[in-house]
Amino acid sequence: MREILGRRRRLRRRGRPAQLDAALTCASAWQWPVLPGVGLEAAGGRGGRGRGCACPDPECAVPGAHPFDPGLLAATTDERMVRWWWANRPTVPILLATGGRAPCALSLPAVAAARALVELDRMGVRLGPVVATPTRWSLLVAPYTLERLGELLYAQDWVPSSLRFHGEGGYLVLPPSEVGAGQVRWERIPSPEAGPRPNGRGPAPASAAPWLPDVGAVLDALVEASSGAPDGGSRLAY
């Protein structure tokens, strides 16, 4: 009987949308507060001009990749709320509310980020999770305060506009979401015990939250990499 029940549970999990499984892992296992993003229009929306943002703004700069209803303050680790959200909207993106006790992040253009990761690996810096879209990559770091970030930035000669910071009051789109910029995926995600696994799929839902580096450990390399980004990387694209 136990084997039959276990098989049924596994089959139910296999039938669940990937977003729900991922959202439950973040909220329940890792204690990262999440909420659903606004998502994209249905195919053929807006006069057949492709899939834009489902929000009312026809010129939305980050299609699908931002909160709308509910707002960012609704982010939670409550499993029941997460199940309800994605049961009603199974394909919408997963947003992480950054800051506080949750991870923060630094994002930069994809080409510059790939270069920065090579340099950080060469330096022997242990990295945490890296979220990637076709246009930008985001390195997750341990929570930091605005005061701590300000001190670090003040010590820099120049901080390019292509480098962005996702701290208190911010958010980040997590895999396996689909947004206007394309598919969101894990470029790197380490287990709590082991080092980075390039292009890994992430730890099992029962594992502890991924390890996160201090922002100061990666900032210098990201500033240098961002300085050489094409066109300054100033276009807001996730």
Foldseek 3Di string as FASTA:
>chain_A
DVVVVVVVVVVVVVPAFPQLQVLLLCLPFAVFFKDFFQAWDDQCPPPRPGIFAPDPDPPDQWRLWAHDVVHPVPTHSDSVVSCVRCVVVVARWMKTQAADQHWKKKKAFPVLVVVLVVVCVVVVHFFAWWKDFNTMIIGTAGADDPVVVVVLVVPDPDAFLRIDIRYHRGMDTAPQHAGPRGGMAIQWHDAQPDTIDGRDRYDRSNGYHTHHHHCNSRVVSSRVSLVPDPPSNNRDYD
